[in-house]
Structure formats: structure tokens, C-alpha cells
Amino acid sequence: MTRPVGIFGGTFDPVHFGHLRPALELQESLELEEVRMLPCSIPPHREAPLASSEQRLAMLQLAIDEQPGLVIDERELHRPGPSYMVDTLASIREELGDTSLCLLLGMDAFIGLEHWHQWQRLIELAHIVVAHRPGWDLQAEQASAVMKLWQSHGLSSRAELAQQAAGGVWLQPVSQLEISATDIREHVRQGKSLRYLMPDAVWQFIEDEGLYLD
């Protein structure tokens, strides 16, 4: 692969358009070879997923079926212990060598990056691409650690993502869909429709499996 590879992690409990649309836009706008969707097994910073690994994987497969450029990477589901991104990137780096890697994060995740396990190593293993809503200004945030990271590693053009394997920070505007998995699960408990929040095949799977009713 000569073009950068994107890494998009999440619990996907369940996957929805708030995940899928930004992933697709980043793949297209940054001309990524592919975006690897990585379902997390044991999230270090939040409660355990309600759906099983098998169910979350099945929903993700339904969601990106026949969508070129979006693929699933199952490695975190098969690795014991907490799903630390630094371990995942190190594993992918070992496989892909000097291929450019782009860790795709939302702005909220980026602002909280200093709480991640061995977060300083992430920039050594990959570029960090921060998806944000158009017009958003990072200067408004009082997040000293990540502000310093951005100031010291910020790239001047997105073309630089393909010119080196890792080490840069790039802010990319994308459509921000205010959809949350928490709200979706509450919709299910209240018997509300999930249509237009996610692909039809995913909400049909949730209904067939009886997920999120408790």
C-alpha cells in the first residue's frame, strides 16, 4: 500500500451513522487506501459494551457491506486484556512497515488523549487526524497537553500525511452527526424507531436479536 491507512476504533455498541459518515468522508478527503474499523473488546475508559463482541462485529459487517474503502480489523476482539490503542497501532505498524498510518479521532477523544494508555507513543506510531465540525477552533480549548502536541506536530498540508509514516497532527472538518449510541440504546428501551440513525440492516439486526431492551 502506498496511500495512508486510516485506523478508526470504537465499541460500536451499536454502530451508527455518526461513526460511518465521518469514516467515509475521511477516507475520501484524505485519499486513504482504506479505513480499518476496529471494534474494541474491553474499552479502558468506559463501561463494557452491552452487546457481545460477536453481535457488535455482525452489526459492523452489515453496516459497511459493499462500501469500498471501509474494512473491519478484528484484532482487538481476539487480544486478551484491555484494548489499548497503542498496542493496536504497534501491531499494525509491525505488519505494514513504513506505510503511513492515520489514527482517526473525534475532537472529544483528542482533547482527552492525555488520559489514554501510553498516549505519548501514539504520535510515534501514526499520524493523528482529528475530525471536527466545520468552523471549530481548537484554540478555544484549554487542553494544554494536546495543545502542545498540536503546536509541535501540526502539519501544514494534508499531503504530508502520505509523505511520512507517522508523527503529524492534522485537523480535518467533517459532517458532524449528533448521534450517540447511548441515545440509541435508550430509544430501543422506549420502543422508538431507529430508522435514519443507522443502516436499516443494523436496526433490523438489533430488533431480531432483542438487543438493548434491558
N, C-alpha and C. Protein backbone atom coordinates (compact mmCIF):
# COMPACT_ATOMS: atom_id res chain seq x y z
N MET A 1 0.84 -1.20 0.00
CA MET A 1 0.00 0.00 0.00
C MET A 1 0.88 1.25 0.00
N THR A 2 0.58 2.18 -0.88
CA THR A 2 1.34 3.42 -0.93
C THR A 2 0.59 4.59 -0.31
N ARG A 3 -0.73 4.51 -0.28
CA ARG A 3 -1.51 5.57 0.33
C ARG A 3 -1.67 5.28 1.82
N PRO A 4 -1.93 6.32 2.64
CA PRO A 4 -2.09 6.10 4.08
C PRO A 4 -3.27 5.18 4.40
N VAL A 5 -3.15 4.51 5.52
CA VAL A 5 -4.22 3.66 6.05
C VAL A 5 -4.81 4.33 7.28
N GLY A 6 -6.13 4.45 7.33
CA GLY A 6 -6.80 5.05 8.47
C GLY A 6 -7.20 4.00 9.50
N ILE A 7 -7.12 4.37 10.77
CA ILE A 7 -7.49 3.49 11.88
C ILE A 7 -8.61 4.16 12.67
N PHE A 8 -9.77 3.52 12.72
CA PHE A 8 -10.96 4.10 13.35
C PHE A 8 -11.47 3.11 14.38
N GLY A 9 -11.21 3.37 15.66
CA GLY A 9 -11.62 2.47 16.72
C GLY A 9 -12.92 2.89 17.39
N GLY A 10 -13.55 1.95 18.05
CA GLY A 10 -14.77 2.25 18.79
C GLY A 10 -15.40 0.99 19.34
N THR A 11 -16.33 1.15 20.27
CA THR A 11 -17.06 -0.02 20.76
C THR A 11 -18.13 -0.44 19.76
N PHE A 12 -18.68 0.55 19.02
CA PHE A 12 -19.74 0.28 18.04
C PHE A 12 -20.87 -0.52 18.68
N ASP A 13 -21.41 0.08 19.75
CA ASP A 13 -22.42 -0.60 20.57
C ASP A 13 -23.72 0.21 20.66
N PRO A 14 -24.43 0.41 19.54
CA PRO A 14 -24.19 -0.14 18.20
C PRO A 14 -23.52 0.88 17.28
N VAL A 15 -23.08 0.40 16.11
CA VAL A 15 -22.57 1.29 15.07
C VAL A 15 -23.72 2.11 14.51
N HIS A 16 -23.44 3.36 14.13
CA HIS A 16 -24.49 4.24 13.60
C HIS A 16 -23.88 5.22 12.61
N PHE A 17 -24.71 6.07 12.04
CA PHE A 17 -24.25 7.00 11.01
C PHE A 17 -23.25 8.02 11.56
N GLY A 18 -23.28 8.27 12.87
CA GLY A 18 -22.30 9.17 13.47
C GLY A 18 -20.90 8.61 13.42
N HIS A 19 -20.77 7.29 13.29
CA HIS A 19 -19.47 6.65 13.04
C HIS A 19 -19.18 6.60 11.54
N LEU A 20 -20.17 6.17 10.78
CA LEU A 20 -19.96 5.77 9.39
C LEU A 20 -19.70 6.96 8.47
N ARG A 21 -20.48 8.03 8.63
CA ARG A 21 -20.31 9.17 7.73
C ARG A 21 -18.93 9.82 7.88
N PRO A 22 -18.46 10.13 9.10
CA PRO A 22 -17.11 10.68 9.22
C PRO A 22 -16.03 9.75 8.70
N ALA A 23 -16.17 8.44 8.95
CA ALA A 23 -15.17 7.49 8.45
C ALA A 23 -15.08 7.54 6.93
N LEU A 24 -16.22 7.59 6.27
CA LEU A 24 -16.24 7.64 4.81
C LEU A 24 -15.68 8.96 4.30
N GLU A 25 -16.06 10.07 4.93
CA GLU A 25 -15.57 11.37 4.50
C GLU A 25 -14.05 11.47 4.66
N LEU A 26 -13.52 10.93 5.75
CA LEU A 26 -12.08 10.95 5.95
C LEU A 26 -11.37 10.09 4.92
N GLN A 27 -11.94 8.95 4.61
CA GLN A 27 -11.34 8.06 3.61
C GLN A 27 -11.26 8.77 2.26
N GLU A 28 -12.31 9.48 1.91
CA GLU A 28 -12.35 10.15 0.61
C GLU A 28 -11.50 11.43 0.60
N SER A 29 -11.66 12.28 1.60
CA SER A 29 -10.99 13.59 1.57
C SER A 29 -9.48 13.46 1.77
N LEU A 30 -9.04 12.47 2.52
CA LEU A 30 -7.60 12.27 2.76
C LEU A 30 -6.99 11.26 1.80
N GLU A 31 -7.83 10.73 0.90
CA GLU A 31 -7.38 9.74 -0.09
C GLU A 31 -6.66 8.57 0.59
N LEU A 32 -7.32 8.03 1.61
CA LEU A 32 -6.76 6.89 2.33
C LEU A 32 -6.96 5.60 1.54
N GLU A 33 -5.99 4.73 1.59
CA GLU A 33 -6.12 3.43 0.94
C GLU A 33 -7.33 2.69 1.47
N GLU A 34 -7.52 2.76 2.79
CA GLU A 34 -8.67 2.15 3.44
C GLU A 34 -8.79 2.73 4.84
N VAL A 35 -9.97 2.59 5.42
CA VAL A 35 -10.17 2.89 6.83
C VAL A 35 -10.50 1.58 7.52
N ARG A 36 -9.67 1.22 8.46
CA ARG A 36 -9.88 -0.01 9.22
C ARG A 36 -10.75 0.30 10.44
N MET A 37 -11.93 -0.26 10.46
CA MET A 37 -12.84 -0.10 11.58
C MET A 37 -12.49 -1.17 12.61
N LEU A 38 -12.09 -0.72 13.81
CA LEU A 38 -11.59 -1.65 14.83
C LEU A 38 -12.55 -1.70 16.02
N PRO A 39 -13.41 -2.72 16.08
CA PRO A 39 -14.25 -2.85 17.27
C PRO A 39 -13.41 -3.21 18.50
N CYS A 40 -13.63 -2.47 19.55
CA CYS A 40 -12.89 -2.65 20.80
C CYS A 40 -13.47 -3.81 21.60
N SER A 41 -12.60 -4.59 22.21
CA SER A 41 -13.06 -5.71 23.04
C SER A 41 -13.38 -5.25 24.46
N ILE A 42 -12.36 -4.75 25.15
CA ILE A 42 -12.53 -4.27 26.53
C ILE A 42 -12.08 -2.81 26.58
N PRO A 43 -13.01 -1.87 26.52
CA PRO A 43 -12.62 -0.44 26.50
C PRO A 43 -12.02 -0.02 27.84
N PRO A 44 -10.84 0.61 27.83
CA PRO A 44 -10.20 1.01 29.09
C PRO A 44 -10.88 2.18 29.78
N HIS A 45 -11.61 3.03 29.02
CA HIS A 45 -12.08 4.30 29.58
C HIS A 45 -13.60 4.38 29.72
N ARG A 46 -14.29 3.26 29.54
CA ARG A 46 -15.75 3.31 29.66
C ARG A 46 -16.26 1.95 30.08
N GLU A 47 -17.57 1.88 30.35
CA GLU A 47 -18.16 0.61 30.75
C GLU A 47 -18.11 -0.40 29.62
N ALA A 48 -18.17 -1.67 29.98
CA ALA A 48 -18.13 -2.73 28.99
C ALA A 48 -19.35 -2.63 28.06
N PRO A 49 -19.19 -2.96 26.79
CA PRO A 49 -20.32 -2.92 25.86
C PRO A 49 -21.45 -3.85 26.31
N LEU A 50 -22.68 -3.49 25.95
CA LEU A 50 -23.83 -4.32 26.29
C LEU A 50 -24.00 -5.47 25.30
N ALA A 51 -23.75 -5.21 24.03
CA ALA A 51 -23.81 -6.28 23.03
C ALA A 51 -22.50 -7.07 23.07
N SER A 52 -22.57 -8.32 22.72
CA SER A 52 -21.38 -9.16 22.71
C SER A 52 -20.44 -8.75 21.58
N SER A 53 -19.21 -9.23 21.64
CA SER A 53 -18.27 -8.96 20.57
C SER A 53 -18.79 -9.47 19.24
N GLU A 54 -19.40 -10.66 19.27
CA GLU A 54 -19.93 -11.25 18.05
C GLU A 54 -21.07 -10.41 17.47
N GLN A 55 -21.91 -9.89 18.34
CA GLN A 55 -23.03 -9.07 17.87
C GLN A 55 -22.55 -7.73 17.32
N ARG A 56 -21.60 -7.11 17.99
CA ARG A 56 -21.08 -5.83 17.51
C ARG A 56 -20.34 -6.00 16.19
N LEU A 57 -19.62 -7.11 16.05
CA LEU A 57 -18.93 -7.40 14.80
C LEU A 57 -19.94 -7.62 13.68
N ALA A 58 -20.99 -8.35 13.98
CA ALA A 58 -22.03 -8.61 12.97
C ALA A 58 -22.69 -7.31 12.52
N MET A 59 -22.98 -6.41 13.46
CA MET A 59 -23.61 -5.13 13.11
C MET A 59 -22.67 -4.29 12.24
N LEU A 60 -21.38 -4.30 12.57
CA LEU A 60 -20.42 -3.54 11.78
C LEU A 60 -20.30 -4.11 10.38
N GLN A 61 -20.32 -5.43 10.27
CA GLN A 61 -20.26 -6.06 8.95
C GLN A 61 -21.47 -5.67 8.10
N LEU A 62 -22.64 -5.66 8.71
CA LEU A 62 -23.84 -5.24 8.00
C LEU A 62 -23.76 -3.78 7.58
N ALA A 63 -23.17 -2.95 8.43
CA ALA A 63 -23.13 -1.51 8.19
C ALA A 63 -22.24 -1.13 7.01
N ILE A 64 -21.12 -1.81 6.86
CA ILE A 64 -20.17 -1.39 5.81
C ILE A 64 -20.16 -2.35 4.63
N ASP A 65 -21.12 -3.25 4.60
CA ASP A 65 -21.20 -4.21 3.50
C ASP A 65 -21.24 -3.48 2.15
N GLU A 66 -20.34 -3.87 1.27
CA GLU A 66 -20.26 -3.33 -0.09
C GLU A 66 -19.86 -1.85 -0.14
N GLN A 67 -19.26 -1.34 0.94
CA GLN A 67 -18.75 0.04 0.91
C GLN A 67 -17.24 0.01 0.68
N PRO A 68 -16.78 0.31 -0.52
CA PRO A 68 -15.34 0.30 -0.78
C PRO A 68 -14.61 1.27 0.14
N GLY A 69 -13.45 0.85 0.60
CA GLY A 69 -12.62 1.72 1.41
C GLY A 69 -12.80 1.55 2.90
N LEU A 70 -13.90 0.95 3.34
CA LEU A 70 -14.12 0.68 4.76
C LEU A 70 -14.01 -0.83 4.97
N VAL A 71 -13.11 -1.23 5.88
CA VAL A 71 -12.90 -2.64 6.16
C VAL A 71 -12.87 -2.85 7.67
N ILE A 72 -13.02 -4.08 8.09
CA ILE A 72 -13.02 -4.41 9.52
C ILE A 72 -11.70 -5.06 9.90
N ASP A 73 -11.15 -4.64 11.01
CA ASP A 73 -9.96 -5.25 11.59
C ASP A 73 -10.37 -5.80 12.96
N GLU A 74 -10.29 -7.11 13.13
CA GLU A 74 -10.82 -7.77 14.34
C GLU A 74 -9.78 -7.97 15.43
N ARG A 75 -8.58 -7.46 15.28
CA ARG A 75 -7.50 -7.86 16.19
C ARG A 75 -7.79 -7.56 17.66
N GLU A 76 -8.47 -6.46 17.96
CA GLU A 76 -8.73 -6.16 19.37
C GLU A 76 -9.71 -7.15 19.99
N LEU A 77 -10.59 -7.71 19.18
CA LEU A 77 -11.55 -8.69 19.69
C LEU A 77 -10.87 -10.00 20.07
N HIS A 78 -9.70 -10.25 19.49
CA HIS A 78 -9.00 -11.51 19.73
C HIS A 78 -7.82 -11.36 20.69
N ARG A 79 -7.58 -10.13 21.16
CA ARG A 79 -6.46 -9.90 22.06
C ARG A 79 -6.96 -9.82 23.50
N PRO A 80 -6.38 -10.58 24.43
CA PRO A 80 -6.85 -10.53 25.82
C PRO A 80 -6.48 -9.21 26.49
N GLY A 81 -7.24 -8.87 27.53
CA GLY A 81 -6.96 -7.66 28.29
C GLY A 81 -7.57 -6.42 27.66
N PRO A 82 -7.35 -5.26 28.29
CA PRO A 82 -7.90 -4.00 27.79
C PRO A 82 -7.42 -3.71 26.37
N SER A 83 -8.27 -3.08 25.58
CA SER A 83 -7.94 -2.77 24.18
C SER A 83 -7.25 -1.41 24.11
N TYR A 84 -5.95 -1.41 24.35
CA TYR A 84 -5.18 -0.17 24.29
C TYR A 84 -4.79 0.12 22.84
N MET A 85 -5.08 1.33 22.39
CA MET A 85 -4.77 1.70 21.01
C MET A 85 -3.29 1.65 20.73
N VAL A 86 -2.45 1.94 21.70
CA VAL A 86 -1.01 1.91 21.47
C VAL A 86 -0.56 0.50 21.08
N ASP A 87 -1.16 -0.52 21.68
CA ASP A 87 -0.82 -1.90 21.32
C ASP A 87 -1.32 -2.23 19.92
N THR A 88 -2.51 -1.73 19.58
CA THR A 88 -3.07 -1.97 18.26
C THR A 88 -2.22 -1.33 17.18
N LEU A 89 -1.83 -0.08 17.37
CA LEU A 89 -1.00 0.60 16.38
C LEU A 89 0.35 -0.07 16.23
N ALA A 90 0.93 -0.50 17.34
CA ALA A 90 2.22 -1.19 17.27
C ALA A 90 2.11 -2.47 16.47
N SER A 91 1.00 -3.19 16.64
CA SER A 91 0.77 -4.42 15.91
C SER A 91 0.61 -4.16 14.42
N ILE A 92 -0.18 -3.13 14.08
CA ILE A 92 -0.38 -2.79 12.67
C ILE A 92 0.91 -2.27 12.05
N ARG A 93 1.66 -1.48 12.79
CA ARG A 93 2.93 -0.96 12.29
C ARG A 93 3.89 -2.10 11.97
N GLU A 94 3.91 -3.11 12.82
CA GLU A 94 4.78 -4.26 12.58
C GLU A 94 4.41 -4.97 11.28
N GLU A 95 3.13 -5.02 10.99
CA GLU A 95 2.66 -5.70 9.77
C GLU A 95 2.89 -4.86 8.52
N LEU A 96 2.67 -3.56 8.59
CA LEU A 96 2.67 -2.71 7.40
C LEU A 96 3.98 -1.95 7.19
N GLY A 97 4.91 -2.10 8.10
CA GLY A 97 6.20 -1.45 7.91
C GLY A 97 6.11 0.06 7.88
N ASP A 98 6.63 0.66 6.80
CA ASP A 98 6.70 2.12 6.71
C ASP A 98 5.47 2.77 6.09
N THR A 99 4.39 2.00 5.92
CA THR A 99 3.15 2.58 5.41
C THR A 99 2.66 3.67 6.35
N SER A 100 2.21 4.76 5.80
CA SER A 100 1.65 5.83 6.62
C SER A 100 0.36 5.36 7.30
N LEU A 101 0.28 5.56 8.61
CA LEU A 101 -0.91 5.23 9.39
C LEU A 101 -1.51 6.51 9.94
N CYS A 102 -2.82 6.60 9.89
CA CYS A 102 -3.54 7.76 10.42
C CYS A 102 -4.55 7.30 11.45
N LEU A 103 -4.33 7.65 12.71
CA LEU A 103 -5.29 7.36 13.77
C LEU A 103 -6.39 8.42 13.70
N LEU A 104 -7.60 8.00 13.40
CA LEU A 104 -8.72 8.91 13.19
C LEU A 104 -9.50 9.08 14.49
N LEU A 105 -9.55 10.30 14.99
CA LEU A 105 -10.20 10.59 16.26
C LEU A 105 -11.20 11.73 16.10
N GLY A 106 -12.23 11.71 16.92
CA GLY A 106 -13.09 12.86 17.05
C GLY A 106 -12.43 13.88 17.97
N MET A 107 -12.92 15.11 17.95
CA MET A 107 -12.30 16.16 18.75
C MET A 107 -12.38 15.85 20.24
N ASP A 108 -13.48 15.29 20.70
CA ASP A 108 -13.61 14.96 22.13
C ASP A 108 -12.54 13.97 22.55
N ALA A 109 -12.31 12.94 21.70
CA ALA A 109 -11.28 11.95 22.02
C ALA A 109 -9.89 12.59 22.03
N PHE A 110 -9.65 13.49 21.08
CA PHE A 110 -8.34 14.14 21.01
C PHE A 110 -8.08 14.98 22.25
N ILE A 111 -9.08 15.73 22.68
CA ILE A 111 -8.91 16.58 23.85
C ILE A 111 -8.61 15.75 25.10
N GLY A 112 -9.16 14.53 25.16
CA GLY A 112 -8.90 13.66 26.31
C GLY A 112 -7.76 12.69 26.10
N LEU A 113 -6.93 12.92 25.09
CA LEU A 113 -5.90 11.95 24.71
C LEU A 113 -4.89 11.69 25.81
N GLU A 114 -4.61 12.69 26.63
CA GLU A 114 -3.58 12.52 27.66
C GLU A 114 -3.98 11.51 28.73
N HIS A 115 -5.23 11.09 28.72
CA HIS A 115 -5.68 10.06 29.67
C HIS A 115 -5.58 8.66 29.08
N TRP A 116 -5.16 8.54 27.83
CA TRP A 116 -5.01 7.23 27.20
C TRP A 116 -3.71 6.56 27.67
N HIS A 117 -3.70 5.25 27.63
CA HIS A 117 -2.53 4.47 28.00
C HIS A 117 -1.37 4.77 27.04
N GLN A 118 -0.23 5.18 27.62
CA GLN A 118 0.98 5.49 26.85
C GLN A 118 0.68 6.39 25.65
N TRP A 119 -0.09 7.42 25.90
CA TRP A 119 -0.57 8.27 24.80
C TRP A 119 0.56 8.97 24.05
N GLN A 120 1.68 9.23 24.72
CA GLN A 120 2.78 9.91 24.03
C GLN A 120 3.36 9.07 22.90
N ARG A 121 3.19 7.75 22.97
CA ARG A 121 3.74 6.86 21.93
C ARG A 121 2.89 6.86 20.66
N LEU A 122 1.65 7.31 20.75
CA LEU A 122 0.76 7.23 19.60
C LEU A 122 1.32 8.00 18.41
N ILE A 123 1.87 9.19 18.66
CA ILE A 123 2.38 10.03 17.59
C ILE A 123 3.62 9.42 16.96
N GLU A 124 4.30 8.52 17.68
CA GLU A 124 5.46 7.83 17.12
C GLU A 124 5.04 6.72 16.17
N LEU A 125 3.83 6.21 16.36
CA LEU A 125 3.36 5.07 15.58
C LEU A 125 2.46 5.47 14.42
N ALA A 126 1.85 6.64 14.51
CA ALA A 126 0.89 7.05 13.49
C ALA A 126 0.75 8.57 13.49
N HIS A 127 0.20 9.08 12.41
CA HIS A 127 -0.32 10.45 12.43
C HIS A 127 -1.61 10.45 13.24
N ILE A 128 -1.97 11.58 13.77
CA ILE A 128 -3.26 11.72 14.45
C ILE A 128 -4.11 12.69 13.62
N VAL A 129 -5.20 12.19 13.11
CA VAL A 129 -6.14 13.01 12.33
C VAL A 129 -7.36 13.26 13.18
N VAL A 130 -7.67 14.53 13.40
CA VAL A 130 -8.76 14.91 14.28
C VAL A 130 -9.93 15.41 13.44
N ALA A 131 -11.01 14.66 13.46
CA ALA A 131 -12.21 15.05 12.74
C ALA A 131 -13.00 16.04 13.59
N HIS A 132 -13.39 17.15 12.99
CA HIS A 132 -14.12 18.16 13.76
C HIS A 132 -15.18 18.79 12.87
N ARG A 133 -16.14 19.42 13.50
CA ARG A 133 -17.19 20.09 12.73
C ARG A 133 -16.62 21.35 12.08
N PRO A 134 -17.10 21.72 10.91
CA PRO A 134 -16.60 22.92 10.23
C PRO A 134 -16.71 24.16 11.11
N GLY A 135 -15.65 24.96 11.13
CA GLY A 135 -15.64 26.18 11.90
C GLY A 135 -15.18 26.02 13.34
N TRP A 136 -14.92 24.78 13.75
CA TRP A 136 -14.49 24.55 15.13
C TRP A 136 -13.07 25.03 15.33
N ASP A 137 -12.77 25.63 16.48
CA ASP A 137 -11.46 26.20 16.74
C ASP A 137 -10.84 25.53 17.96
N LEU A 138 -9.75 24.82 17.75
CA LEU A 138 -9.07 24.14 18.86
C LEU A 138 -8.50 25.14 19.86
N GLN A 139 -8.22 26.35 19.41
CA GLN A 139 -7.65 27.35 20.32
C GLN A 139 -8.60 27.66 21.48
N ALA A 140 -9.88 27.39 21.30
CA ALA A 140 -10.85 27.69 22.35
C ALA A 140 -10.77 26.69 23.50
N GLU A 141 -10.07 25.58 23.29
CA GLU A 141 -9.98 24.55 24.31
C GLU A 141 -8.78 24.80 25.22
N GLN A 142 -8.98 24.60 26.50
CA GLN A 142 -7.90 24.71 27.47
C GLN A 142 -7.36 23.32 27.78
N ALA A 143 -6.80 22.71 26.79
CA ALA A 143 -6.27 21.35 26.93
C ALA A 143 -4.77 21.42 26.66
N SER A 144 -3.99 21.69 27.69
CA SER A 144 -2.59 22.06 27.49
C SER A 144 -1.77 20.96 26.82
N ALA A 145 -1.94 19.72 27.25
CA ALA A 145 -1.11 18.64 26.71
C ALA A 145 -1.36 18.45 25.22
N VAL A 146 -2.61 18.39 24.82
CA VAL A 146 -2.90 18.17 23.40
C VAL A 146 -2.65 19.44 22.59
N MET A 147 -2.81 20.61 23.22
CA MET A 147 -2.48 21.85 22.52
C MET A 147 -1.00 21.86 22.17
N LYS A 148 -0.16 21.44 23.10
CA LYS A 148 1.28 21.38 22.84
C LYS A 148 1.58 20.35 21.76
N LEU A 149 0.86 19.23 21.79
CA LEU A 149 1.06 18.20 20.77
C LEU A 149 0.72 18.75 19.40
N TRP A 150 -0.39 19.45 19.31
CA TRP A 150 -0.81 20.04 18.03
C TRP A 150 0.17 21.10 17.57
N GLN A 151 0.61 21.96 18.51
CA GLN A 151 1.52 23.03 18.14
C GLN A 151 2.88 22.50 17.68
N SER A 152 3.31 21.38 18.27
CA SER A 152 4.64 20.85 17.93
C SER A 152 4.62 19.88 16.75
N HIS A 153 3.45 19.27 16.47
CA HIS A 153 3.39 18.25 15.42
C HIS A 153 2.38 18.58 14.32
N GLY A 154 1.75 19.75 14.38
CA GLY A 154 0.76 20.09 13.37
C GLY A 154 1.34 20.14 11.97
N LEU A 155 0.64 19.58 11.01
CA LEU A 155 1.08 19.57 9.62
C LEU A 155 0.56 20.79 8.89
N SER A 156 1.29 21.24 7.89
CA SER A 156 0.89 22.41 7.12
C SER A 156 -0.03 22.06 5.96
N SER A 157 -0.02 20.79 5.54
CA SER A 157 -0.91 20.35 4.47
C SER A 157 -1.21 18.87 4.66
N ARG A 158 -2.38 18.44 4.20
CA ARG A 158 -2.76 17.04 4.34
C ARG A 158 -1.92 16.13 3.47
N ALA A 159 -1.25 16.69 2.45
CA ALA A 159 -0.38 15.89 1.61
C ALA A 159 0.76 15.28 2.41
N GLU A 160 1.14 15.94 3.52
CA GLU A 160 2.23 15.44 4.35
C GLU A 160 1.89 14.11 5.01
N LEU A 161 0.60 13.79 5.11
CA LEU A 161 0.21 12.52 5.72
C LEU A 161 0.77 11.34 4.93
N ALA A 162 0.90 11.50 3.62
CA ALA A 162 1.39 10.41 2.78
C ALA A 162 2.91 10.43 2.64
N GLN A 163 3.54 11.51 3.07
CA GLN A 163 4.97 11.67 2.84
C GLN A 163 5.83 11.08 3.94
N GLN A 164 5.23 10.80 5.09
CA GLN A 164 5.96 10.17 6.19
C GLN A 164 5.03 9.19 6.89
N ALA A 165 5.60 8.24 7.60
CA ALA A 165 4.82 7.13 8.17
C ALA A 165 4.01 7.54 9.39
N ALA A 166 4.48 8.53 10.13
CA ALA A 166 3.84 8.91 11.39
C ALA A 166 4.37 10.28 11.81
N GLY A 167 3.84 10.79 12.93
CA GLY A 167 4.44 11.96 13.55
C GLY A 167 3.73 13.28 13.39
N GLY A 168 2.62 13.32 12.64
CA GLY A 168 1.94 14.59 12.43
C GLY A 168 0.55 14.62 13.03
N VAL A 169 0.03 15.82 13.21
CA VAL A 169 -1.35 16.04 13.65
C VAL A 169 -2.04 16.87 12.58
N TRP A 170 -3.19 16.40 12.14
CA TRP A 170 -3.95 17.10 11.10
C TRP A 170 -5.40 17.23 11.53
N LEU A 171 -5.96 18.43 11.43
CA LEU A 171 -7.37 18.66 11.76
C LEU A 171 -8.17 18.70 10.47
N GLN A 172 -9.18 17.85 10.38
CA GLN A 172 -9.97 17.73 9.16
C GLN A 172 -11.45 17.94 9.46
N PRO A 173 -12.08 18.95 8.84
CA PRO A 173 -13.52 19.13 9.05
C PRO A 173 -14.33 18.04 8.37
N VAL A 174 -15.35 17.54 9.06
CA VAL A 174 -16.26 16.54 8.52
C VAL A 174 -17.68 16.87 8.97
N SER A 175 -18.64 16.26 8.33
CA SER A 175 -20.03 16.41 8.77
C SER A 175 -20.17 15.80 10.16
N GLN A 176 -20.70 16.56 11.08
CA GLN A 176 -20.87 16.07 12.45
C GLN A 176 -22.34 15.72 12.67
N LEU A 177 -22.61 14.46 12.83
CA LEU A 177 -23.96 13.99 13.09
C LEU A 177 -24.11 13.75 14.58
N GLU A 178 -24.98 14.48 15.22
CA GLU A 178 -25.13 14.38 16.67
C GLU A 178 -25.96 13.15 17.03
N ILE A 179 -25.35 12.00 16.85
CA ILE A 179 -25.99 10.72 17.16
C ILE A 179 -25.12 10.01 18.18
N SER A 180 -25.71 9.47 19.23
CA SER A 180 -24.93 8.75 20.23
C SER A 180 -25.50 7.35 20.43
N ALA A 181 -24.59 6.40 20.66
CA ALA A 181 -25.01 5.03 20.92
C ALA A 181 -25.85 4.95 22.20
N THR A 182 -25.54 5.80 23.17
CA THR A 182 -26.32 5.83 24.42
C THR A 182 -27.77 6.19 24.14
N ASP A 183 -27.97 7.22 23.32
CA ASP A 183 -29.33 7.63 22.97
C ASP A 183 -30.04 6.54 22.17
N ILE A 184 -29.31 5.88 21.29
CA ILE A 184 -29.91 4.81 20.50
C ILE A 184 -30.39 3.68 21.41
N ARG A 185 -29.59 3.30 22.36
CA ARG A 185 -29.99 2.23 23.29
C ARG A 185 -31.23 2.65 24.09
N GLU A 186 -31.30 3.93 24.45
CA GLU A 186 -32.48 4.42 25.16
C GLU A 186 -33.70 4.41 24.25
N HIS A 187 -33.52 4.72 22.98
CA HIS A 187 -34.61 4.63 22.02
C HIS A 187 -35.18 3.22 21.99
N VAL A 188 -34.30 2.23 22.00
CA VAL A 188 -34.75 0.84 21.97
C VAL A 188 -35.57 0.53 23.21
N ARG A 189 -35.08 0.95 24.38
CA ARG A 189 -35.80 0.68 25.63
C ARG A 189 -37.17 1.34 25.65
N GLN A 190 -37.29 2.47 24.96
CA GLN A 190 -38.57 3.20 24.93
C GLN A 190 -39.45 2.78 23.75
N GLY A 191 -38.96 1.83 22.95
CA GLY A 191 -39.74 1.35 21.82
C GLY A 191 -39.81 2.30 20.65
N LYS A 192 -38.86 3.20 20.53
CA LYS A 192 -38.84 4.17 19.44
C LYS A 192 -38.10 3.59 18.23
N SER A 193 -38.42 4.11 17.06
CA SER A 193 -37.80 3.64 15.82
C SER A 193 -36.34 4.10 15.73
N LEU A 194 -35.51 3.25 15.14
CA LEU A 194 -34.10 3.57 14.91
C LEU A 194 -33.84 3.96 13.45
N ARG A 195 -34.86 4.02 12.66
CA ARG A 195 -34.68 4.37 11.26
C ARG A 195 -34.06 5.77 11.13
N TYR A 196 -33.15 5.91 10.18
CA TYR A 196 -32.42 7.14 9.87
C TYR A 196 -31.31 7.46 10.87
N LEU A 197 -31.12 6.59 11.88
CA LEU A 197 -30.00 6.74 12.79
C LEU A 197 -28.84 5.83 12.41
N MET A 198 -29.14 4.81 11.63
CA MET A 198 -28.17 3.79 11.26
C MET A 198 -28.67 3.07 10.02
N PRO A 199 -27.83 2.25 9.38
CA PRO A 199 -28.32 1.47 8.24
C PRO A 199 -29.49 0.57 8.64
N ASP A 200 -30.43 0.40 7.74
CA ASP A 200 -31.61 -0.40 8.04
C ASP A 200 -31.24 -1.81 8.49
N ALA A 201 -30.21 -2.39 7.88
CA ALA A 201 -29.82 -3.76 8.24
C ALA A 201 -29.37 -3.85 9.68
N VAL A 202 -28.79 -2.77 10.21
CA VAL A 202 -28.31 -2.79 11.59
C VAL A 202 -29.47 -2.72 12.57
N TRP A 203 -30.41 -1.79 12.32
CA TRP A 203 -31.53 -1.72 13.28
C TRP A 203 -32.41 -2.95 13.19
N GLN A 204 -32.46 -3.58 12.01
CA GLN A 204 -33.21 -4.83 11.89
C GLN A 204 -32.53 -5.94 12.68
N PHE A 205 -31.20 -5.96 12.67
CA PHE A 205 -30.44 -6.93 13.47
C PHE A 205 -30.70 -6.71 14.95
N ILE A 206 -30.70 -5.45 15.40
CA ILE A 206 -30.97 -5.15 16.80
C ILE A 206 -32.35 -5.66 17.20
N GLU A 207 -33.30 -5.44 16.33
CA GLU A 207 -34.67 -5.90 16.60
C GLU A 207 -34.74 -7.41 16.64
N ASP A 208 -34.11 -8.07 15.67
CA ASP A 208 -34.16 -9.53 15.61
C ASP A 208 -33.46 -10.18 16.81
N GLU A 209 -32.38 -9.55 17.27
CA GLU A 209 -31.61 -10.11 18.38
C GLU A 209 -32.17 -9.70 19.75
N GLY A 210 -33.10 -8.76 19.75
CA GLY A 210 -33.63 -8.28 21.01
C GLY A 210 -32.61 -7.54 21.85
N LEU A 211 -31.73 -6.82 21.20
CA LEU A 211 -30.67 -6.10 21.90
C LEU A 211 -31.18 -4.83 22.58
N TYR A 212 -30.53 -4.49 23.68
CA TYR A 212 -30.71 -3.22 24.40
C TYR A 212 -32.11 -3.03 25.00
N LEU A 213 -32.82 -4.09 25.21
CA LEU A 213 -34.17 -3.97 25.79
C LEU A 213 -34.11 -3.80 27.30
N ASP A 214 -33.08 -4.28 27.94
CA ASP A 214 -32.96 -4.21 29.41
C ASP A 214 -32.15 -3.01 29.83
